[in-house]
C-alpha atoms as a PDB file:
ATOM      1  CA  PHE A   1      93.317 103.412 102.879  1.00  0.00           C
ATOM      2  CA  ASP A   2      93.857 101.285 106.034  1.00  0.00           C
ATOM      3  CA  ARG A   3      91.498  98.546 104.790  1.00  0.00           C
ATOM      4  CA  ALA A   4      93.132  98.398 101.394  1.00  0.00           C
ATOM      5  CA  ARG A   5      96.586  98.430 103.009  1.00  0.00           C
ATOM      6  CA  ALA A   6      95.641  95.453 105.124  1.00  0.00           C
ATOM      7  CA  ARG A   7      93.825  93.430 102.501  1.00  0.00           C
ATOM      8  CA  VAL A   8      95.969  93.787  99.372  1.00  0.00           C
ATOM      9  CA  PRO A   9      98.891  91.767 100.718  1.00  0.00           C
ATOM     10  CA  ALA A  10      96.534  88.971 101.750  1.00  0.00           C
ATOM     11  CA  VAL A  11      94.941  88.930  98.299  1.00  0.00           C
ATOM     12  CA  LEU A  12      98.347  88.919  96.563  1.00  0.00           C
ATOM     13  CA  ALA A  13      99.589  86.112  98.851  1.00  0.00           C
ATOM     14  CA  SER A  14      96.898  83.871  97.431  1.00  0.00           C
ATOM     15  CA  GLY A  15      98.866  83.844  94.139  1.00  0.00           C
ATOM     16  CA  ARG A  16      95.637  84.409  92.176  1.00  0.00           C
ATOM     17  CA  ARG A  17      95.371  86.822  89.292  1.00  0.00           C
ATOM     18  CA  VAL A  18      94.328  90.196  90.607  1.00  0.00           C
ATOM     19  CA  VAL A  19      93.695  93.738  89.368  1.00  0.00           C
ATOM     20  CA  LEU A  20      94.801  96.598  91.606  1.00  0.00           C
ATOM     21  CA  ASP A  21      93.341 100.031  90.949  1.00  0.00           C
ATOM     22  CA  ALA A  22      92.555 103.271  92.788  1.00  0.00           C
ATOM     23  CA  ASP A  23      92.789 102.938  96.597  1.00  0.00           C
ATOM     24  CA  ALA A  24      94.555  99.536  96.334  1.00  0.00           C
ATOM     25  CA  LEU A  25      97.431 101.519  94.732  1.00  0.00           C
ATOM     26  CA  SER A  26      97.167 104.836  96.602  1.00  0.00           C
ATOM     27  CA  ALA A  27      97.168 103.039  99.963  1.00  0.00           C
ATOM     28  CA  PHE A  28     100.871 102.279  99.347  1.00  0.00           C
ATOM     29  CA  ALA A  29     101.905 105.850  98.370  1.00  0.00           C
ATOM     30  CA  ASP A  30     104.037 106.181 101.506  1.00  0.00           C
ATOM     31  CA  ASP A  31     105.802 102.875 100.948  1.00  0.00           C
ATOM     32  CA  PRO A  32     105.402 101.522  97.342  1.00  0.00           C
ATOM     33  CA  GLY A  33     108.099  98.929  98.036  1.00  0.00           C
ATOM     34  CA  ALA A  34     105.742  97.122 100.438  1.00  0.00           C
ATOM     35  CA  LEU A  35     103.388  96.611  97.526  1.00  0.00           C
ATOM     36  CA  PHE A  36     106.116  95.593  95.083  1.00  0.00           C
ATOM     37  CA  ASP A  37     107.449  93.031  97.565  1.00  0.00           C
ATOM     38  CA  VAL A  38     104.152  91.084  97.456  1.00  0.00           C
ATOM     39  CA  ALA A  39     103.221  91.649  93.792  1.00  0.00           C
ATOM     40  CA  HIS A  40     103.552  88.801  91.323  1.00  0.00           C
ATOM     41  CA  PRO A  41     103.350  88.348  87.466  1.00  0.00           C
ATOM     42  CA  GLY A  42      99.611  87.528  87.698  1.00  0.00           C
ATOM     43  CA  CYS A  43      98.947  90.956  89.206  1.00  0.00           C
ATOM     44  CA  VAL A  44      97.852  93.923  87.042  1.00  0.00           C
ATOM     45  CA  MET A  45      98.205  97.468  88.412  1.00  0.00           C
ATOM     46  CA  THR A  46      96.221 100.143  86.555  1.00  0.00           C
ATOM     47  CA  PRO A  47      97.449 103.580  87.646  1.00  0.00           C
ATOM     48  CA  HIS A  48      96.432 106.867  86.104  1.00  0.00           C
ATOM     49  CA  ALA A  49      99.056 109.628  86.086  1.00  0.00           C
ATOM     50  CA  GLY A  50      98.491 110.648  89.719  1.00  0.00           C
ATOM     51  CA  GLU A  51      98.621 107.078  90.990  1.00  0.00           C
ATOM     52  CA  PHE A  52     101.690 106.401  88.895  1.00  0.00           C
ATOM     53  CA  GLU A  53     103.429 109.434  90.421  1.00  0.00           C
ATOM     54  CA  ARG A  54     102.572 108.222  93.959  1.00  0.00           C
ATOM     55  CA  LEU A  55     103.950 104.728  93.301  1.00  0.00           C
ATOM     56  CA  PHE A  56     106.909 105.628  91.095  1.00  0.00           C
ATOM     57  CA  PRO A  57     107.812 109.202  92.020  1.00  0.00           C
ATOM     58  CA  ASP A  58     111.314 109.010  90.491  1.00  0.00           C
ATOM     59  CA  LEU A  59     110.020 107.737  87.194  1.00  0.00           C
ATOM     60  CA  ALA A  60     107.265 110.369  87.097  1.00  0.00           C
ATOM     61  CA  ARG A  61     109.847 113.054  87.773  1.00  0.00           C
ATOM     62  CA  ARG A  62     111.956 111.781  84.852  1.00  0.00           C
ATOM     63  CA  LEU A  63     108.853 111.976  82.615  1.00  0.00           C
ATOM     64  CA  LYS A  64     108.317 115.618  83.504  1.00  0.00           C
ATOM     65  CA  GLU A  65     111.934 116.688  82.932  1.00  0.00           C
ATOM     66  CA  THR A  66     112.668 118.842  79.924  1.00  0.00           C
ATOM     67  CA  ALA A  67     114.789 116.857  77.512  1.00  0.00           C
ATOM     68  CA  THR A  68     118.127 118.397  76.824  1.00  0.00           C
ATOM     69  CA  ARG A  69     119.556 115.469  74.839  1.00  0.00           C
ATOM     70  CA  ALA A  70     118.484 112.187  73.286  1.00  0.00           C
ATOM     71  CA  PRO A  71     117.131 109.715  74.156  1.00  0.00           C
ATOM     72  CA  VAL A  72     114.048 111.277  75.706  1.00  0.00           C
ATOM     73  CA  TYR A  73     112.518 109.385  78.638  1.00  0.00           C
ATOM     74  CA  SER A  74     109.065 108.352  77.401  1.00  0.00           C
ATOM     75  CA  LYS A  75     105.895 107.095  79.002  1.00  0.00           C
ATOM     76  CA  LEU A  76     106.636 103.728  77.403  1.00  0.00           C
ATOM     77  CA  ALA A  77     110.092 103.593  79.041  1.00  0.00           C
ATOM     78  CA  ALA A  78     108.617 104.690  82.411  1.00  0.00           C
ATOM     79  CA  THR A  79     105.909 102.035  82.213  1.00  0.00           C
ATOM     80  CA  ARG A  80     108.410  99.356  81.281  1.00  0.00           C
ATOM     81  CA  ASP A  81     110.660 100.414  84.207  1.00  0.00           C
ATOM     82  CA  ALA A  82     107.664 100.427  86.576  1.00  0.00           C
ATOM     83  CA  ALA A  83     106.647  96.873  85.529  1.00  0.00           C
ATOM     84  CA  ARG A  84     110.163  95.605  86.163  1.00  0.00           C
ATOM     85  CA  ARG A  85     110.287  97.287  89.558  1.00  0.00           C
ATOM     86  CA  ALA A  86     106.849  96.122  90.622  1.00  0.00           C
ATOM     87  CA  GLY A  87     107.224  92.597  89.220  1.00  0.00           C
ATOM     88  CA  CYS A  88     103.822  92.664  87.612  1.00  0.00           C
ATOM     89  CA  ILE A  89     101.912  94.084  84.621  1.00  0.00           C
ATOM     90  CA  ILE A  90     101.459  97.843  84.682  1.00  0.00           C
ATOM     91  CA  LEU A  91      98.712  99.500  82.689  1.00  0.00           C
ATOM     92  CA  PHE A  92      99.494 103.248  82.684  1.00  0.00           C
ATOM     93  CA  LYS A  93      96.147 104.753  81.709  1.00  0.00           C
ATOM     94  CA  GLY A  94      95.651 107.765  79.427  1.00  0.00           C
ATOM     95  CA  VAL A  95      94.963 108.650  75.866  1.00  0.00           C
ATOM     96  CA  ASP A  96      98.179 106.726  75.135  1.00  0.00           C
ATOM     97  CA  THR A  97      97.560 103.789  77.413  1.00  0.00           C
ATOM     98  CA  ILE A  98     100.743 101.714  77.902  1.00  0.00           C
ATOM     99  CA  ILE A  99     100.720  98.116  79.077  1.00  0.00           C
ATOM    100  CA  ALA A 100     104.097  96.650  80.170  1.00  0.00           C
ATOM    101  CA  HIS A 101     105.097  93.250  81.437  1.00  0.00           C
ATOM    102  CA  PRO A 102     107.991  92.760  83.851  1.00  0.00           C
ATOM    103  CA  ASP A 103     109.973  90.982  81.132  1.00  0.00           C
ATOM    104  CA  GLY A 104     110.019  94.218  79.062  1.00  0.00           C
ATOM    105  CA  ARG A 105     107.253  93.507  76.568  1.00  0.00           C
ATOM    106  CA  CYS A 106     105.011  96.526  75.965  1.00  0.00           C
ATOM    107  CA  CYS A 107     101.870  97.452  74.094  1.00  0.00           C
ATOM    108  CA  VAL A 108     100.728 100.937  73.255  1.00  0.00           C
ATOM    109  CA  HIS A 109      97.012 101.537  72.826  1.00  0.00           C
ATOM    110  CA  ALA A 110      96.506 105.039  71.473  1.00  0.00           C
ATOM    111  CA  ALA A 111      92.940 106.210  71.078  1.00  0.00           C
ATOM    112  CA  ILE A 112      93.744 108.836  68.501  1.00  0.00           C
ATOM    113  CA  TRP A 113      92.473 110.056  65.124  1.00  0.00           C
ATOM    114  CA  ASP A 114      89.389 108.076  64.165  1.00  0.00           C
ATOM    115  CA  THR A 115      89.545 106.029  67.374  1.00  0.00           C
ATOM    116  CA  ALA A 116      89.761 109.049  69.678  1.00  0.00           C
ATOM    117  CA  VAL A 117      87.314 108.907  72.592  1.00  0.00           C
ATOM    118  CA  PRO A 118      87.771 112.000  74.725  1.00  0.00           C
ATOM    119  CA  TRP A 119      84.372 111.294  76.349  1.00  0.00           C
ATOM    120  CA  LEU A 120      85.992 108.233  77.963  1.00  0.00           C
ATOM    121  CA  ALA A 121      87.753 110.566  80.406  1.00  0.00           C
ATOM    122  CA  THR A 122      84.813 110.414  82.828  1.00  0.00           C
ATOM    123  CA  ALA A 123      84.547 109.449  86.476  1.00  0.00           C
ATOM    124  CA  GLY A 124      84.341 105.703  86.961  1.00  0.00           C
ATOM    125  CA  ALA A 125      85.531 104.726  83.503  1.00  0.00           C
ATOM    126  CA  GLY A 126      88.759 103.370  84.946  1.00  0.00           C
ATOM    127  CA  ASP A 127      86.742 101.259  87.373  1.00  0.00           C
ATOM    128  CA  VAL A 128      84.913  99.733  84.393  1.00  0.00           C
ATOM    129  CA  LEU A 129      88.242  99.007  82.716  1.00  0.00           C
ATOM    130  CA  ALA A 130      89.510  97.300  85.915  1.00  0.00           C
ATOM    131  CA  GLY A 131      86.322  95.206  85.883  1.00  0.00           C
ATOM    132  CA  LEU A 132      86.795  94.248  82.277  1.00  0.00           C
ATOM    133  CA  ILE A 133      90.371  93.108  83.067  1.00  0.00           C
ATOM    134  CA  ALA A 134      89.223  91.221  86.133  1.00  0.00           C
ATOM    135  CA  GLY A 135      86.499  89.484  84.124  1.00  0.00           C
ATOM    136  CA  LEU A 136      88.929  88.343  81.464  1.00  0.00           C
ATOM    137  CA  LEU A 137      91.472  87.203  84.093  1.00  0.00           C
ATOM    138  CA  ALA A 138      88.856  85.191  85.845  1.00  0.00           C
ATOM    139  CA  ARG A 139      88.657  82.915  82.816  1.00  0.00           C
ATOM    140  CA  PRO A 140      91.133  79.998  82.558  1.00  0.00           C
ATOM    141  CA  ILE A 141      94.309  81.449  81.075  1.00  0.00           C
ATOM    142  CA  PRO A 142      97.199  79.039  80.577  1.00  0.00           C
ATOM    143  CA  ASN A 143     100.207  81.329  81.177  1.00  0.00           C
ATOM    144  CA  GLU A 144     101.447  84.830  81.970  1.00  0.00           C
ATOM    145  CA  ILE A 145     101.824  85.717  78.229  1.00  0.00           C
ATOM    146  CA  ASP A 146      98.111  85.263  77.857  1.00  0.00           C
ATOM    147  CA  ILE A 147      97.455  87.513  80.894  1.00  0.00           C
ATOM    148  CA  MET A 148      99.132  90.347  79.042  1.00  0.00           C
ATOM    149  CA  ALA A 149      96.960  89.615  76.000  1.00  0.00           C
ATOM    150  CA  ALA A 150      93.849  89.640  78.170  1.00  0.00           C
ATOM    151  CA  VAL A 151      94.780  93.087  79.451  1.00  0.00           C
ATOM    152  CA  GLU A 152      95.320  94.301  75.930  1.00  0.00           C
ATOM    153  CA  VAL A 153      91.883  92.963  74.886  1.00  0.00           C
ATOM    154  CA  ALA A 154      90.219  94.661  77.844  1.00  0.00           C
ATOM    155  CA  VAL A 155      91.712  98.019  76.887  1.00  0.00           C
ATOM    156  CA  TRP A 156      90.551  97.587  73.284  1.00  0.00           C
ATOM    157  CA  LEU A 157      86.995  96.582  74.377  1.00  0.00           C
ATOM    158  CA  HIS A 158      86.884  99.580  76.744  1.00  0.00           C
ATOM    159  CA  VAL A 159      87.566 101.971  73.864  1.00  0.00           C
ATOM    160  CA  GLN A 160      85.198 100.166  71.516  1.00  0.00           C
ATOM    161  CA  CYS A 161      82.372 100.421  74.040  1.00  0.00           C
ATOM    162  CA  ALA A 162      83.030 104.119  74.402  1.00  0.00           C
ATOM    163  CA  ARG A 163      83.124 104.594  70.622  1.00  0.00           C
ATOM    164  CA  SER A 164      79.888 102.616  70.214  1.00  0.00           C
ATOM    165  CA  PHE A 165      78.061 104.803  72.750  1.00  0.00           C
ATOM    166  CA  GLY A 166      79.532 108.124  71.660  1.00  0.00           C
ATOM    167  CA  PRO A 167      79.677 111.518  73.374  1.00  0.00           C
ATOM    168  CA  GLY A 168      77.693 111.976  76.531  1.00  0.00           C
ATOM    169  CA  LEU A 169      78.916 108.718  77.968  1.00  0.00           C
ATOM    170  CA  ILE A 170      78.929 108.093  81.703  1.00  0.00           C
ATOM    171  CA  ALA A 171      80.813 105.135  83.172  1.00  0.00           C
ATOM    172  CA  GLU A 172      77.624 103.084  83.681  1.00  0.00           C
ATOM    173  CA  ASP A 173      77.029 103.119  79.883  1.00  0.00           C
ATOM    174  CA  LEU A 174      80.190 101.168  79.164  1.00  0.00           C
ATOM    175  CA  PRO A 175      79.079  97.744  80.413  1.00  0.00           C
ATOM    176  CA  GLU A 176      75.719  98.270  78.668  1.00  0.00           C
ATOM    177  CA  GLU A 177      77.538  98.670  75.344  1.00  0.00           C
ATOM    178  CA  LEU A 178      79.634  95.512  75.726  1.00  0.00           C
ATOM    179  CA  PRO A 179      77.097  93.003  74.372  1.00  0.00           C
ATOM    180  CA  LYS A 180      76.524  95.227  71.329  1.00  0.00           C
ATOM    181  CA  VAL A 181      80.283  95.466  70.683  1.00  0.00           C
ATOM    182  CA  LEU A 182      80.738  91.719  71.046  1.00  0.00           C
ATOM    183  CA  ARG A 183      77.853  91.061  68.599  1.00  0.00           C
ATOM    184  CA  GLN A 184      79.516  93.351  66.068  1.00  0.00           C
ATOM    185  CA  ILE A 185      82.810  91.488  66.440  1.00  0.00           C
ATOM    186  CA  LEU A 186      81.093  88.162  65.979  1.00  0.00           C
ATOM    187  CA  ARG A 187      79.390  89.397  62.837  1.00  0.00           C
ATOM    188  CA  SER A 188      82.639  90.598  61.252  1.00  0.00           C
END
């Protein structure tokens, strides 16, 4: 964690678009404010539930509370609050992946019913998602609104690659499916 803790602020200080995942997030569990102080709107944080809880313990606690009256605090509300606090895009991973911008815009990507991909819950799949996002952010994007759209596209492509491969998927299969998925899109 020490290397990540030292390097993340330097990377963020460059002002470039960046994706923070795994250790880059967990390295700040003892002081999330230090990360939020240097984050910017071109930054995308991609926590799973455990990482979200380490960065936003109060929001995670509210999510776990038993509702006794309306409105119920939802994953969408928690992700929106996290994005405002962090000052960057938050992608809260899960079956119901939520993407929130600090200005309050949100997108819900639910892989359910005929788009369900339970085999996507495999070690390393989140790393592939972070790579897809980074690849899309590396392209020239004119403004922050388009950064949010790029994140949404990456999540959709991630699921489509998993659906294309099917059960038995390991993370390394996802990038191999991407050309096939893109060819199918171009044919439609």
